[in-house]
PDB file of N, CA and C in Angstrom:
ATOM      1  N   MET A   1       0.804  -1.195   0.000  1.00  0.00           N
ATOM      2  CA  MET A   1       0.000   0.000   0.000  1.00  0.00           C
ATOM      3  C   MET A   1       0.850   1.264   0.000  1.00  0.00           C
ATOM      4  N   ALA A   2       2.102   1.137   0.383  1.00  0.00           N
ATOM      5  CA  ALA A   2       2.958   2.315   0.469  1.00  0.00           C
ATOM      6  C   ALA A   2       3.080   3.029  -0.874  1.00  0.00           C
ATOM      7  N   ASN A   3       3.049   2.281  -1.945  1.00  0.00           N
ATOM      8  CA  ASN A   3       3.182   2.880  -3.271  1.00  0.00           C
ATOM      9  C   ASN A   3       1.881   3.460  -3.804  1.00  0.00           C
ATOM     10  N   PHE A   4       0.770   3.230  -3.109  1.00  0.00           N
ATOM     11  CA  PHE A   4      -0.535   3.638  -3.608  1.00  0.00           C
ATOM     12  C   PHE A   4      -1.275   4.572  -2.660  1.00  0.00           C
ATOM     13  N   GLY A   5      -0.531   5.316  -1.833  1.00  0.00           N
ATOM     14  CA  GLY A   5      -1.134   6.211  -0.849  1.00  0.00           C
ATOM     15  C   GLY A   5      -2.176   7.157  -1.422  1.00  0.00           C
ATOM     16  N   PRO A   6      -1.872   7.880  -2.499  1.00  0.00           N
ATOM     17  CA  PRO A   6      -2.865   8.805  -3.059  1.00  0.00           C
ATOM     18  C   PRO A   6      -4.140   8.093  -3.528  1.00  0.00           C
ATOM     19  N   ILE A   7      -3.994   6.921  -4.116  1.00  0.00           N
ATOM     20  CA  ILE A   7      -5.160   6.169  -4.595  1.00  0.00           C
ATOM     21  C   ILE A   7      -6.006   5.709  -3.415  1.00  0.00           C
ATOM     22  N   VAL A   8      -5.360   5.208  -2.362  1.00  0.00           N
ATOM     23  CA  VAL A   8      -6.077   4.749  -1.167  1.00  0.00           C
ATOM     24  C   VAL A   8      -6.802   5.915  -0.518  1.00  0.00           C
ATOM     25  N   HIS A   9      -6.124   7.061  -0.381  1.00  0.00           N
ATOM     26  CA  HIS A   9      -6.751   8.240   0.210  1.00  0.00           C
ATOM     27  C   HIS A   9      -7.993   8.657  -0.578  1.00  0.00           C
ATOM     28  N   GLU A  10      -7.879   8.648  -1.896  1.00  0.00           N
ATOM     29  CA  GLU A  10      -9.021   9.041  -2.729  1.00  0.00           C
ATOM     30  C   GLU A  10     -10.164   8.036  -2.598  1.00  0.00           C
ATOM     31  N   HIS A  11      -9.842   6.757  -2.664  1.00  0.00           N
ATOM     32  CA  HIS A  11     -10.871   5.711  -2.603  1.00  0.00           C
ATOM     33  C   HIS A  11     -11.615   5.728  -1.272  1.00  0.00           C
ATOM     34  N   LEU A  12     -10.887   5.962  -0.162  1.00  0.00           N
ATOM     35  CA  LEU A  12     -11.504   5.966   1.164  1.00  0.00           C
ATOM     36  C   LEU A  12     -11.970   7.352   1.605  1.00  0.00           C
ATOM     37  N   ASN A  13     -11.763   8.343   0.730  1.00  0.00           N
ATOM     38  CA  ASN A  13     -12.166   9.717   1.030  1.00  0.00           C
ATOM     39  C   ASN A  13     -11.560  10.195   2.347  1.00  0.00           C
ATOM     40  N   LEU A  14     -10.244   9.993   2.498  1.00  0.00           N
ATOM     41  CA  LEU A  14      -9.539  10.363   3.720  1.00  0.00           C
ATOM     42  C   LEU A  14      -9.009  11.783   3.636  1.00  0.00           C
ATOM     43  N   PRO A  15      -9.033  12.499   4.757  1.00  0.00           N
ATOM     44  CA  PRO A  15      -8.379  13.808   4.771  1.00  0.00           C
ATOM     45  C   PRO A  15      -6.866  13.642   4.699  1.00  0.00           C
ATOM     46  N   GLU A  16      -6.181  14.688   4.289  1.00  0.00           N
ATOM     47  CA  GLU A  16      -4.724  14.634   4.108  1.00  0.00           C
ATOM     48  C   GLU A  16      -3.964  14.334   5.402  1.00  0.00           C
ATOM     49  N   ASP A  17      -4.551  14.659   6.564  1.00  0.00           N
ATOM     50  CA  ASP A  17      -3.837  14.462   7.829  1.00  0.00           C
ATOM     51  C   ASP A  17      -4.042  13.076   8.434  1.00  0.00           C
ATOM     52  N   GLU A  18      -4.667  12.155   7.698  1.00  0.00           N
ATOM     53  CA  GLU A  18      -4.832  10.782   8.171  1.00  0.00           C
ATOM     54  C   GLU A  18      -3.946   9.836   7.373  1.00  0.00           C
ATOM     55  N   LEU A  19      -3.474   8.784   8.043  1.00  0.00           N
ATOM     56  CA  LEU A  19      -2.629   7.776   7.413  1.00  0.00           C
ATOM     57  C   LEU A  19      -3.317   6.427   7.422  1.00  0.00           C
ATOM     58  N   VAL A  20      -2.999   5.609   6.465  1.00  0.00           N
ATOM     59  CA  VAL A  20      -3.426   4.216   6.459  1.00  0.00           C
ATOM     60  C   VAL A  20      -2.224   3.384   6.859  1.00  0.00           C
ATOM     61  N   VAL A  21      -2.403   2.586   7.897  1.00  0.00           N
ATOM     62  CA  VAL A  21      -1.309   1.746   8.375  1.00  0.00           C
ATOM     63  C   VAL A  21      -1.778   0.299   8.292  1.00  0.00           C
ATOM     64  N   CYS A  22      -0.963  -0.518   7.704  1.00  0.00           N
ATOM     65  CA  CYS A  22      -1.338  -1.912   7.499  1.00  0.00           C
ATOM     66  C   CYS A  22      -0.149  -2.802   7.819  1.00  0.00           C
ATOM     67  N   GLY A  23      -0.386  -3.882   8.524  1.00  0.00           N
ATOM     68  CA  GLY A  23       0.686  -4.823   8.821  1.00  0.00           C
ATOM     69  C   GLY A  23       0.192  -6.251   8.711  1.00  0.00           C
ATOM     70  N   ILE A  24       1.044  -7.113   8.239  1.00  0.00           N
ATOM     71  CA  ILE A  24       0.695  -8.516   8.080  1.00  0.00           C
ATOM     72  C   ILE A  24       1.839  -9.366   8.629  1.00  0.00           C
ATOM     73  N   ALA A  25       1.501 -10.298   9.510  1.00  0.00           N
ATOM     74  CA  ALA A  25       2.498 -11.242  10.010  1.00  0.00           C
ATOM     75  C   ALA A  25       2.520 -12.458   9.088  1.00  0.00           C
ATOM     76  N   VAL A  26       3.711 -12.858   8.684  1.00  0.00           N
ATOM     77  CA  VAL A  26       3.852 -13.996   7.788  1.00  0.00           C
ATOM     78  C   VAL A  26       4.797 -14.994   8.429  1.00  0.00           C
ATOM     79  N   GLY A  27       4.401 -16.252   8.422  1.00  0.00           N
ATOM     80  CA  GLY A  27       5.281 -17.283   8.953  1.00  0.00           C
ATOM     81  C   GLY A  27       4.670 -18.001  10.138  1.00  0.00           C
ATOM     82  N   VAL A  28       5.492 -18.776  10.799  1.00  0.00           N
ATOM     83  CA  VAL A  28       5.073 -19.578  11.946  1.00  0.00           C
ATOM     84  C   VAL A  28       5.947 -19.188  13.129  1.00  0.00           C
ATOM     85  N   PRO A  29       5.330 -18.898  14.301  1.00  0.00           N
ATOM     86  CA  PRO A  29       6.148 -18.495  15.445  1.00  0.00           C
ATOM     87  C   PRO A  29       6.999 -19.640  15.979  1.00  0.00           C
ATOM     88  N   ASN A  30       8.155 -19.294  16.497  1.00  0.00           N
ATOM     89  CA  ASN A  30       9.003 -20.255  17.190  1.00  0.00           C
ATOM     90  C   ASN A  30       8.507 -20.281  18.625  1.00  0.00           C
ATOM     91  N   LYS A  31       7.723 -21.274  18.986  1.00  0.00           N
ATOM     92  CA  LYS A  31       7.101 -21.340  20.312  1.00  0.00           C
ATOM     93  C   LYS A  31       8.117 -21.476  21.436  1.00  0.00           C
ATOM     94  N   GLY A  32       9.316 -21.853  21.131  1.00  0.00           N
ATOM     95  CA  GLY A  32      10.347 -21.992  22.147  1.00  0.00           C
ATOM     96  C   GLY A  32      11.095 -20.693  22.433  1.00  0.00           C
ATOM     97  N   ALA A  33      10.931 -19.690  21.571  1.00  0.00           N
ATOM     98  CA  ALA A  33      11.641 -18.426  21.747  1.00  0.00           C
ATOM     99  C   ALA A  33      10.941 -17.566  22.795  1.00  0.00           C
ATOM    100  N   LYS A  34      11.696 -17.048  23.768  1.00  0.00           N
ATOM    101  CA  LYS A  34      11.108 -16.220  24.828  1.00  0.00           C
ATOM    102  C   LYS A  34      10.383 -15.000  24.268  1.00  0.00           C
ATOM    103  N   VAL A  35      10.908 -14.418  23.211  1.00  0.00           N
ATOM    104  CA  VAL A  35      10.313 -13.213  22.648  1.00  0.00           C
ATOM    105  C   VAL A  35       8.862 -13.442  22.216  1.00  0.00           C
ATOM    106  N   ASN A  36       8.513 -14.648  21.835  1.00  0.00           N
ATOM    107  CA  ASN A  36       7.155 -14.951  21.396  1.00  0.00           C
ATOM    108  C   ASN A  36       6.186 -15.168  22.548  1.00  0.00           C
ATOM    109  N   HIS A  37       6.662 -15.081  23.782  1.00  0.00           N
ATOM    110  CA  HIS A  37       5.793 -15.208  24.956  1.00  0.00           C
ATOM    111  C   HIS A  37       5.590 -13.862  25.642  1.00  0.00           C
ATOM    112  N   PHE A  38       6.230 -12.815  25.144  1.00  0.00           N
ATOM    113  CA  PHE A  38       6.107 -11.477  25.719  1.00  0.00           C
ATOM    114  C   PHE A  38       4.783 -10.859  25.298  1.00  0.00           C
ATOM    115  N   ARG A  39       4.014 -10.331  26.248  1.00  0.00           N
ATOM    116  CA  ARG A  39       2.729  -9.686  25.961  1.00  0.00           C
ATOM    117  C   ARG A  39       2.725  -8.285  26.550  1.00  0.00           C
ATOM    118  N   THR A  40       2.166  -7.360  25.819  1.00  0.00           N
ATOM    119  CA  THR A  40       2.059  -5.981  26.283  1.00  0.00           C
ATOM    120  C   THR A  40       0.590  -5.621  26.461  1.00  0.00           C
ATOM    121  N   GLU A  41       0.341  -4.569  27.237  1.00  0.00           N
ATOM    122  CA  GLU A  41      -1.023  -4.066  27.358  1.00  0.00           C
ATOM    123  C   GLU A  41      -1.365  -3.344  26.058  1.00  0.00           C
ATOM    124  N   ARG A  42      -2.593  -3.489  25.635  1.00  0.00           N
ATOM    125  CA  ARG A  42      -3.000  -2.870  24.381  1.00  0.00           C
ATOM    126  C   ARG A  42      -4.365  -2.223  24.510  1.00  0.00           C
ATOM    127  N   SER A  43      -4.558  -1.155  23.769  1.00  0.00           N
ATOM    128  CA  SER A  43      -5.866  -0.518  23.697  1.00  0.00           C
ATOM    129  C   SER A  43      -6.790  -1.409  22.878  1.00  0.00           C
ATOM    130  N   SER A  44      -8.083  -1.256  23.102  1.00  0.00           N
ATOM    131  CA  SER A  44      -9.033  -2.034  22.305  1.00  0.00           C
ATOM    132  C   SER A  44      -9.006  -1.537  20.859  1.00  0.00           C
ATOM    133  N   LEU A  45      -9.369  -2.391  19.950  1.00  0.00           N
ATOM    134  CA  LEU A  45      -9.366  -2.068  18.532  1.00  0.00           C
ATOM    135  C   LEU A  45     -10.228  -0.836  18.249  1.00  0.00           C
ATOM    136  N   ALA A  46     -11.369  -0.727  18.904  1.00  0.00           N
ATOM    137  CA  ALA A  46     -12.290   0.390  18.674  1.00  0.00           C
ATOM    138  C   ALA A  46     -11.704   1.738  19.100  1.00  0.00           C
ATOM    139  N   GLU A  47     -10.714   1.728  19.965  1.00  0.00           N
ATOM    140  CA  GLU A  47     -10.116   2.980  20.441  1.00  0.00           C
ATOM    141  C   GLU A  47      -9.209   3.652  19.412  1.00  0.00           C
ATOM    142  N   PHE A  48      -8.685   2.897  18.452  1.00  0.00           N
ATOM    143  CA  PHE A  48      -7.704   3.496  17.544  1.00  0.00           C
ATOM    144  C   PHE A  48      -7.897   3.153  16.074  1.00  0.00           C
ATOM    145  N   THR A  49      -9.016   2.540  15.712  1.00  0.00           N
ATOM    146  CA  THR A  49      -9.204   2.164  14.306  1.00  0.00           C
ATOM    147  C   THR A  49     -10.528   2.679  13.755  1.00  0.00           C
ATOM    148  N   THR A  50     -10.553   2.820  12.464  1.00  0.00           N
ATOM    149  CA  THR A  50     -11.768   3.107  11.718  1.00  0.00           C
ATOM    150  C   THR A  50     -11.730   2.220  10.487  1.00  0.00           C
ATOM    151  N   PHE A  51     -12.770   1.419  10.306  1.00  0.00           N
ATOM    152  CA  PHE A  51     -12.842   0.552   9.132  1.00  0.00           C
ATOM    153  C   PHE A  51     -13.744   1.208   8.099  1.00  0.00           C
ATOM    154  N   ARG A  52     -13.244   1.352   6.882  1.00  0.00           N
ATOM    155  CA  ARG A  52     -14.011   1.950   5.796  1.00  0.00           C
ATOM    156  C   ARG A  52     -13.935   1.071   4.569  1.00  0.00           C
ATOM    157  N   GLY A  53     -14.993   1.016   3.818  1.00  0.00           N
ATOM    158  CA  GLY A  53     -14.983   0.263   2.568  1.00  0.00           C
ATOM    159  C   GLY A  53     -15.457  -1.171   2.710  1.00  0.00           C
ATOM    160  N   PHE A  54     -16.017  -1.527   3.866  1.00  0.00           N
ATOM    161  CA  PHE A  54     -16.476  -2.899   4.077  1.00  0.00           C
ATOM    162  C   PHE A  54     -18.000  -2.987   4.158  1.00  0.00           C
ATOM    163  N   GLU A  55     -18.686  -1.913   3.805  1.00  0.00           N
ATOM    164  CA  GLU A  55     -20.145  -1.873   3.925  1.00  0.00           C
ATOM    165  C   GLU A  55     -20.826  -2.922   3.045  1.00  0.00           C
ATOM    166  N   ASP A  56     -20.245  -3.246   1.908  1.00  0.00           N
ATOM    167  CA  ASP A  56     -20.871  -4.162   0.949  1.00  0.00           C
ATOM    168  C   ASP A  56     -20.450  -5.613   1.136  1.00  0.00           C
ATOM    169  N   ILE A  57     -19.628  -5.890   2.116  1.00  0.00           N
ATOM    170  CA  ILE A  57     -19.140  -7.259   2.300  1.00  0.00           C
ATOM    171  C   ILE A  57     -20.061  -8.009   3.228  1.00  0.00           C
TER     172      ILE A  57
END
């Protein structure tokens, strides 16, 4: 999506001061690695996200 920022902004009718951030985890976790057992406190999804473009799905 990084290469298509203007198209995404236009399609979602976003103001210039908003960003689209997208992340995808790929692979299988190493369950034996300590780093994969670390958990942080997190805000609820509703506190920091807005979903647009899914009305027809």
